[in-house]
Amino acid sequence: MAGLQKILVVLCLVTRAISQDMPYEELLAQIQACPRECNCPQNFPRAVYCDNKGLKSIPKIPPYTWYLYLQNNLIETMPLDALQNATQLRWINLNRNKITSDKVGEGVLGGMKHLAHLYMDDNLLSTVPSPLPVSLEHLRLSRNRISKIPAGVFVGLDKLNLLDLQGNKLMDDGVTEVSLKGLTSLVQINLAKNQLSSMPLGLPPTTTQLFLDGNNIEKIPADYFKGLPKMAFLRLNHNKLGSAGIPKDIFNISSMLDLQLSHNQLTEVPVIPSGLEHLYLDHNKIANVNGSSVCPVSVDSLDDSTNDGVPRLRYLRLDGNEISPPIPRDVVLCFRLLRSIVI
């Protein structure tokens, strides 16, 4: 009976390995090399779980690991040989450790030819790690102490589409065309809760989502979005924007879908682009809403029998201002697709 059980176990392992395109020999090697501090589930053999173990250093990782979880530990260093055995890594989670920039070995990350996701949120980094692997797609470095982006650090990272740097110490001179050079495929960049006083320069035309909440931005240059034709989601909540700092047609971008300007110092509603679907203007200093000035089209030109040409706004938030209901009739006539107005 014991022999039969062993055979069944082996058959089970082989089946699981085949289902993940993992040769049986590799599976055995992977399980045998599993660090005693970690968990290497047989039903997910390419993943190694070393999270929440109180680790102070990175253990030797099995050679066929794709997904490595090291979050919620006390790791302080990433020496050059820390991951040299795990050349197939696709995903590393190092969130919530104590890693400092001077303890990241030069080349420890750059040599990983398959790494697509690198998460190092909530550490003690003072600069963006360099060099980075050219295979990288997502880089999350939020809530560190980063004040510098080394020039050229993103050059060659043609696959990087998400960059999260929120909650750091970046100032205007740290986010420039030089420091952002190379982000040719960027879709989302998060620079919220830094120390920026102006809109970041050097964003590539592929940028679709820009998050700048919690900075000290007072104005937007008139031609800022000229080179950003795909901008669809813009968040500028909790800044110092006044109406004088927002040019009249600055948001008149056909791709814009979601615009958030809550908790600023606006006294007027900006002109609303026809394609915009969600607009957040709560907690400003707006006293009235004039339909003729905010409607992107002439109300008289709209056909009551069809929604063709009608502005697409569906959600509007105006609470926390100095506006008294009701909403003016011309505003309702213009934005007839509105499903929710908070006032």
Protein backbone atom coordinates (compact mmCIF):
# COMPACT_ATOMS: atom_id res chain seq x y z
CA MET A 1 0.00 0.00 0.00
CA ALA A 2 2.84 2.39 0.87
CA GLY A 3 4.44 1.73 -2.54
CA LEU A 4 1.17 2.45 -4.32
CA GLN A 5 0.83 5.73 -2.45
CA LYS A 6 4.32 6.80 -3.54
CA ILE A 7 3.47 6.01 -7.16
CA LEU A 8 0.28 8.03 -6.92
CA VAL A 9 2.18 10.98 -5.43
CA VAL A 10 4.73 10.86 -8.26
CA LEU A 11 1.98 10.66 -10.89
CA CYS A 12 0.23 13.61 -9.27
CA LEU A 13 3.42 15.68 -9.35
CA VAL A 14 4.04 14.78 -12.98
CA THR A 15 0.50 15.80 -13.94
CA ARG A 16 0.86 19.14 -12.18
CA ALA A 17 4.24 19.77 -13.75
CA ILE A 18 2.94 19.03 -17.23
CA SER A 19 -0.02 21.35 -16.65
CA GLN A 20 2.44 24.18 -16.03
CA ASP A 21 4.80 23.11 -18.85
CA MET A 22 7.41 22.14 -16.29
CA PRO A 23 9.50 19.01 -16.87
CA TYR A 24 9.37 16.49 -14.07
CA GLU A 25 13.11 16.76 -13.42
CA GLU A 26 12.81 20.51 -12.98
CA LEU A 27 9.87 20.05 -10.63
CA LEU A 28 11.85 17.73 -8.37
CA ALA A 29 14.84 20.06 -8.40
CA GLN A 30 12.58 22.98 -7.56
CA ILE A 31 10.97 21.25 -4.60
CA GLN A 32 14.25 19.90 -3.27
CA ALA A 33 15.87 23.35 -3.43
CA CYS A 34 13.04 25.08 -1.57
CA PRO A 35 14.49 27.12 1.32
CA ARG A 36 13.38 25.86 4.71
CA GLU A 37 12.17 29.38 5.56
CA CYS A 38 9.81 29.43 2.58
CA ASN A 39 6.80 27.62 1.18
CA CYS A 40 6.97 26.05 -2.29
CA PRO A 41 3.51 24.66 -3.10
CA GLN A 42 3.53 21.58 -5.31
CA ASN A 43 0.41 22.75 -7.14
CA PHE A 44 2.14 26.01 -8.07
CA PRO A 45 5.76 24.89 -8.38
CA ARG A 46 7.14 28.02 -10.04
CA ALA A 47 6.15 30.17 -7.05
CA VAL A 48 8.16 30.56 -3.85
CA TYR A 49 6.51 32.18 -0.83
CA CYS A 50 8.90 33.68 1.71
CA ASP A 51 6.60 36.46 2.92
CA ASN A 52 5.91 37.29 6.58
CA LYS A 53 8.85 35.19 7.85
CA GLY A 54 10.91 37.83 9.64
CA LEU A 55 13.75 37.30 7.16
CA LYS A 56 16.74 39.65 7.32
CA SER A 57 18.32 38.40 4.11
CA ILE A 58 17.19 36.80 0.86
CA PRO A 59 17.54 32.99 1.01
CA LYS A 60 18.90 30.97 -1.90
CA ILE A 61 16.03 30.76 -4.37
CA PRO A 62 15.32 27.57 -6.40
CA PRO A 63 16.49 27.77 -10.04
CA TYR A 64 13.13 27.42 -11.80
CA THR A 65 11.25 30.07 -9.82
CA TRP A 66 9.09 32.53 -11.76
CA TYR A 67 7.18 34.18 -8.91
CA LEU A 68 8.99 35.20 -5.72
CA TYR A 69 7.19 36.66 -2.71
CA LEU A 70 9.41 38.30 -0.09
CA GLN A 71 7.09 41.02 1.21
CA ASN A 72 6.62 41.87 4.88
CA ASN A 73 10.08 40.92 6.10
CA LEU A 74 13.10 42.72 7.58
CA ILE A 75 15.38 42.42 4.55
CA GLU A 76 17.96 45.21 4.39
CA THR A 77 20.27 44.20 1.55
CA MET A 78 20.21 42.84 -2.01
CA PRO A 79 23.81 41.72 -2.64
CA LEU A 80 24.94 40.90 -6.15
CA ASP A 81 24.64 37.15 -5.57
CA ALA A 82 21.25 37.32 -3.84
CA LEU A 83 19.28 36.05 -6.84
CA GLN A 84 21.99 34.66 -9.08
CA ASN A 85 20.51 31.17 -8.93
CA ALA A 86 17.03 32.30 -9.98
CA THR A 87 17.61 33.42 -13.55
CA GLN A 88 14.03 32.73 -14.70
CA LEU A 89 12.27 35.17 -12.36
CA ARG A 90 9.25 36.98 -13.84
CA TRP A 91 7.82 38.56 -10.68
CA ILE A 92 9.45 39.77 -7.45
CA ASN A 93 7.53 41.23 -4.51
CA LEU A 94 9.82 42.94 -1.99
CA ASN A 95 7.23 45.31 -0.54
CA ARG A 96 7.50 46.37 3.10
CA ASN A 97 11.11 45.56 3.88
CA LYS A 98 14.03 47.78 4.95
CA ILE A 99 16.12 47.89 1.79
CA THR A 100 18.25 51.01 1.26
CA SER A 101 19.71 52.13 -2.07
CA ASP A 102 23.31 51.70 -0.96
CA LYS A 103 22.60 48.06 -0.12
CA VAL A 104 21.27 47.14 -3.59
CA GLY A 105 24.15 45.50 -5.43
CA GLU A 106 24.85 47.01 -8.83
CA GLY A 107 23.70 44.52 -11.43
CA VAL A 108 21.59 42.39 -9.08
CA LEU A 109 18.45 43.34 -11.06
CA GLY A 110 19.82 44.29 -14.47
CA GLY A 111 20.83 40.75 -15.35
CA MET A 112 17.34 39.27 -14.97
CA LYS A 113 16.36 38.78 -18.61
CA HIS A 114 12.79 37.67 -17.90
CA LEU A 115 11.74 39.92 -15.01
CA ALA A 116 8.49 41.76 -15.84
CA HIS A 117 7.17 42.87 -12.44
CA LEU A 118 9.28 44.42 -9.68
CA TYR A 119 7.55 45.62 -6.51
CA MET A 120 9.59 47.44 -3.86
CA ASP A 121 6.96 49.61 -2.17
CA ASP A 122 7.48 50.68 1.44
CA ASN A 123 11.25 50.32 1.68
CA LEU A 124 13.98 52.88 2.39
CA LEU A 125 15.20 53.57 -1.14
CA SER A 126 16.56 57.05 -1.87
CA THR A 127 16.93 56.57 -5.63
CA VAL A 128 15.49 54.42 -8.41
CA PRO A 129 17.54 51.17 -8.58
CA SER A 130 19.92 50.95 -11.53
CA PRO A 131 20.44 49.19 -13.84
CA LEU A 132 17.00 47.68 -14.39
CA PRO A 133 16.19 44.69 -16.62
CA VAL A 134 15.06 45.57 -20.16
CA SER A 135 12.20 43.05 -19.83
CA LEU A 136 10.52 45.09 -17.07
CA GLU A 137 6.83 45.99 -17.56
CA HIS A 138 5.69 47.15 -14.10
CA LEU A 139 7.87 49.00 -11.58
CA ARG A 140 6.38 49.94 -8.22
CA LEU A 141 8.50 52.02 -5.83
CA SER A 142 5.86 53.87 -3.84
CA ARG A 143 6.35 55.13 -0.28
CA ASN A 144 10.13 55.11 -0.22
CA ARG A 145 12.46 58.10 0.22
CA ILE A 146 13.29 58.59 -3.44
CA SER A 147 14.47 62.10 -4.31
CA LYS A 148 16.44 61.21 -7.42
CA ILE A 149 15.84 59.43 -10.71
CA PRO A 150 19.25 58.70 -12.23
CA ALA A 151 19.68 60.03 -15.78
CA GLY A 152 19.22 57.25 -18.30
CA VAL A 153 17.86 54.71 -15.81
CA PHE A 154 14.87 54.02 -18.09
CA VAL A 155 16.74 54.01 -21.39
CA GLY A 156 16.17 50.69 -23.13
CA LEU A 157 13.13 49.77 -21.03
CA ASP A 158 10.85 49.64 -24.07
CA LYS A 159 8.34 47.35 -22.34
CA LEU A 160 7.84 49.40 -19.17
CA ASN A 161 4.21 50.59 -19.14
CA LEU A 162 3.54 51.22 -15.43
CA LEU A 163 5.70 53.35 -13.13
CA ASP A 164 4.57 53.98 -9.54
CA LEU A 165 6.59 56.55 -7.58
CA GLN A 166 3.90 57.92 -5.28
CA GLY A 167 4.69 58.88 -1.72
CA ASN A 168 8.36 59.77 -2.25
CA LYS A 169 10.39 63.00 -2.01
CA LEU A 170 10.64 63.96 -5.66
CA MET A 171 10.85 67.65 -6.50
CA ASP A 172 10.65 69.39 -9.88
CA ASP A 173 14.35 69.01 -10.59
CA GLY A 174 14.06 65.27 -9.98
CA VAL A 175 11.39 64.66 -12.62
CA THR A 176 12.69 66.00 -15.93
CA GLU A 177 12.89 65.09 -19.60
CA VAL A 178 16.35 63.70 -18.91
CA SER A 179 15.30 61.50 -15.99
CA LEU A 180 12.22 60.13 -17.80
CA LYS A 181 13.99 59.51 -21.10
CA GLY A 182 13.42 56.01 -22.44
CA LEU A 183 9.84 55.47 -21.28
CA THR A 184 8.61 54.92 -24.82
CA SER A 185 5.75 52.57 -23.87
CA LEU A 186 4.59 54.20 -20.65
CA VAL A 187 0.83 54.06 -20.04
CA GLN A 188 0.46 54.89 -16.34
CA ILE A 189 2.69 57.02 -14.11
CA ASN A 190 1.89 57.76 -10.48
CA LEU A 191 3.70 60.75 -8.95
CA ALA A 192 1.13 61.48 -6.24
CA LYS A 193 2.21 62.65 -2.79
CA ASN A 194 5.62 63.97 -3.75
CA GLN A 195 6.90 67.56 -3.56
CA LEU A 196 6.18 68.77 -7.08
CA SER A 197 5.21 72.41 -7.65
CA SER A 198 4.81 72.13 -11.44
CA MET A 199 3.55 69.61 -13.97
CA PRO A 200 6.21 66.98 -14.78
CA LEU A 201 7.98 67.36 -18.10
CA GLY A 202 9.20 64.69 -20.46
CA LEU A 203 6.21 62.32 -20.40
CA PRO A 204 6.00 60.20 -23.57
CA PRO A 205 3.01 60.52 -25.96
CA THR A 206 1.87 57.02 -24.93
CA THR A 207 0.91 58.26 -21.44
CA THR A 208 -2.75 57.51 -20.71
CA GLN A 209 -2.98 57.83 -16.91
CA LEU A 210 -1.26 60.58 -14.92
CA PHE A 211 -1.71 60.73 -11.14
CA LEU A 212 -0.44 63.87 -9.38
CA ASP A 213 -2.60 64.04 -6.24
CA GLY A 214 -1.15 65.57 -3.09
CA ASN A 215 1.52 67.83 -4.57
CA ASN A 216 1.90 71.64 -4.62
CA ILE A 217 1.00 72.32 -8.25
CA GLU A 218 -0.47 75.79 -8.87
CA LYS A 219 -0.85 75.95 -12.64
CA ILE A 220 -0.86 73.96 -15.87
CA PRO A 221 1.06 75.31 -18.89
CA ALA A 222 -1.23 76.16 -21.83
CA ASP A 223 0.44 73.68 -24.19
CA TYR A 224 1.05 70.95 -21.61
CA PHE A 225 -1.13 68.26 -23.21
CA LYS A 226 -0.06 69.05 -26.77
CA GLY A 227 2.34 66.11 -26.77
CA LEU A 228 0.02 63.79 -24.80
CA PRO A 229 -2.73 62.83 -27.28
CA LYS A 230 -3.77 59.68 -25.38
CA MET A 231 -4.33 61.25 -21.95
CA ALA A 232 -7.53 59.71 -20.55
CA PHE A 233 -7.24 59.71 -16.74
CA LEU A 234 -5.86 62.77 -14.97
CA ARG A 235 -5.82 63.15 -11.17
CA LEU A 236 -4.78 66.45 -9.60
CA ASN A 237 -6.67 66.23 -6.31
CA HIS A 238 -5.20 67.98 -3.25
CA ASN A 239 -3.01 70.52 -5.04
CA LYS A 240 -3.01 74.34 -5.11
CA LEU A 241 -4.69 74.91 -8.43
CA GLY A 242 -6.66 78.13 -8.84
CA SER A 243 -8.82 78.99 -11.84
CA ALA A 244 -6.21 81.52 -12.96
CA GLY A 245 -3.74 78.64 -13.29
CA ILE A 246 -5.95 76.63 -15.64
CA PRO A 247 -6.07 77.91 -19.26
CA LYS A 248 -9.57 77.99 -20.77
CA ASP A 249 -9.37 74.97 -23.09
CA ILE A 250 -6.58 73.09 -21.36
CA PHE A 251 -8.66 69.93 -20.90
CA ASN A 252 -10.14 69.96 -24.40
CA ILE A 253 -8.59 66.60 -25.26
CA SER A 254 -10.68 64.11 -27.21
CA SER A 255 -9.24 61.15 -25.28
CA MET A 256 -9.99 62.53 -21.78
CA LEU A 257 -12.44 60.32 -19.85
CA ASP A 258 -11.84 60.96 -16.14
CA LEU A 259 -10.74 64.31 -14.65
CA GLN A 260 -10.23 64.80 -10.92
CA LEU A 261 -9.59 68.29 -9.50
CA SER A 262 -10.97 67.87 -5.98
CA HIS A 263 -9.57 69.79 -2.99
CA ASN A 264 -8.02 72.68 -4.90
CA GLN A 265 -8.76 76.43 -5.01
CA LEU A 266 -10.89 76.65 -8.13
CA THR A 267 -13.51 79.40 -8.32
CA GLU A 268 -14.91 78.40 -11.72
CA VAL A 269 -15.84 75.18 -13.50
CA PRO A 270 -13.38 74.61 -16.35
CA VAL A 271 -14.61 73.98 -19.88
CA ILE A 272 -15.65 70.34 -19.99
CA PRO A 273 -14.50 68.31 -23.03
CA SER A 274 -17.25 66.53 -24.97
CA GLY A 275 -15.88 63.04 -24.36
CA LEU A 276 -15.34 63.40 -20.61
CA GLU A 277 -17.39 60.92 -18.55
CA HIS A 278 -16.38 61.62 -14.92
CA LEU A 279 -15.57 65.01 -13.39
CA TYR A 280 -14.59 65.61 -9.76
CA LEU A 281 -14.65 69.27 -8.63
CA ASP A 282 -15.64 68.82 -4.98
CA HIS A 283 -14.09 70.87 -2.18
CA ASN A 284 -13.07 73.92 -4.15
CA LYS A 285 -14.35 77.51 -4.00
CA ILE A 286 -16.85 77.41 -6.85
CA ALA A 287 -19.88 79.63 -6.26
CA ASN A 288 -21.92 78.98 -9.43
CA VAL A 289 -22.12 76.88 -12.57
CA ASN A 290 -22.80 78.65 -15.86
CA GLY A 291 -23.97 76.24 -18.54
CA SER A 292 -23.11 78.51 -21.44
CA SER A 293 -19.47 78.76 -20.34
CA VAL A 294 -18.82 75.13 -19.36
CA CYS A 295 -20.78 73.33 -22.10
CA PRO A 296 -18.44 72.28 -24.93
CA VAL A 297 -21.20 72.66 -27.52
CA SER A 298 -24.07 75.08 -28.07
CA VAL A 299 -27.18 73.88 -26.25
CA ASP A 300 -29.33 75.24 -29.08
CA SER A 301 -27.55 72.98 -31.56
CA LEU A 302 -28.46 69.77 -29.73
CA ASP A 303 -31.21 67.57 -31.16
CA ASP A 304 -33.74 66.52 -28.53
CA SER A 305 -34.57 63.32 -30.43
CA THR A 306 -31.08 61.88 -30.43
CA ASN A 307 -27.94 61.79 -28.31
CA ASP A 308 -25.63 62.31 -31.25
CA GLY A 309 -23.15 65.06 -30.46
CA VAL A 310 -24.27 65.25 -26.84
CA PRO A 311 -21.43 65.63 -24.26
CA ARG A 312 -20.72 62.25 -22.62
CA LEU A 313 -20.50 63.43 -18.98
CA ARG A 314 -22.18 60.88 -16.68
CA TYR A 315 -20.86 61.72 -13.22
CA LEU A 316 -20.31 65.18 -11.73
CA ARG A 317 -19.22 65.93 -8.19
CA LEU A 318 -19.56 69.49 -6.88
CA ASP A 319 -20.05 69.05 -3.13
CA GLY A 320 -17.88 71.03 -0.74
CA ASN A 321 -18.16 74.22 -2.80
CA GLU A 322 -20.29 77.34 -2.40
CA ILE A 323 -22.96 76.23 -4.84
CA SER A 324 -26.62 76.20 -3.88
CA PRO A 325 -29.07 73.88 -5.65
CA PRO A 326 -30.73 73.54 -8.05
CA ILE A 327 -28.34 72.97 -10.92
CA PRO A 328 -29.08 75.52 -13.70
CA ARG A 329 -31.35 74.26 -16.47
CA ASP A 330 -28.83 74.93 -19.24
CA VAL A 331 -26.32 72.66 -17.50
CA VAL A 332 -28.87 69.83 -17.36
CA LEU A 333 -29.80 70.36 -21.00
CA CYS A 334 -26.17 70.27 -22.08
CA PHE A 335 -25.15 67.21 -20.07
CA ARG A 336 -28.27 65.17 -20.58
CA LEU A 337 -26.43 61.86 -20.11
CA LEU A 338 -25.65 62.71 -16.49
CA ARG A 339 -26.65 59.88 -14.17
CA SER A 340 -25.32 61.32 -10.92
CA ILE A 341 -24.66 64.83 -9.62
CA VAL A 342 -23.31 65.29 -6.09
CA ILE A 343 -23.85 68.80 -4.78
